[in-house]
Amino acid sequence: MASNRHLGRIIALQTLYEQEMRQDAGDTDFNIEEVLDRNIERYREMLDDVDFIKQLTLGVTKQSAELDARLQPVAPEWPIDQIARMDRLVLRIGLYELENEADVPPKVVINESVELAKAFGGDNSSKFINGVLGTLLRQKEGDTASKPKPKASAKPKTKSAKKTTKK
């Protein structure tokens, strides 16, 4: 199943890449579902989880503006439209999975994204992808980790509290 999902991510990436290329070229007849079906059909015998591929591809397409808005603050020196197309698409896929695929452990999502970047991106793509998605994961975990509040009766454990009692 794991290698099956890896292939699924490659198919999603291939479809999303074709979508951006054709739209940038002014292709008004582009139909993502037709292209996705064509790309899935090429590997049909090796795939078990076609629904995962469709959900991933169509989800990234539908949420691309929201995903870009979440990505931009993490890499402010790289405006989203100046990030290499392949890197941008890998980041969108990874972030989409981090936010929407609860059954996939976050570290697996990041590792899969890094592997896609190594296979299809530039020389430094994997490091960039790892850094951005790792930061987003830490932010997400920080949001959930900050929910429980310490008990009010707990004594402070800082050195500054001890210093105030000395003369």
Foldseek 3Di string as FASTA:
>chain_A
DLVQVLVLVVLLLVLVLVVVVCVVVVNPPDDSVVSSVVSCVVCVVVHDCSVVSVCLNVVLVVCVVVLLVVQCVLCVVARLVNPPPSLSSLSSSLVCCVVPVPVDDNVSSLVSSLVSCVVPHDPCSSVVSNSRSVVVVVVVVVVVVPPDDDDPPDDDPDVVVVVVVDD
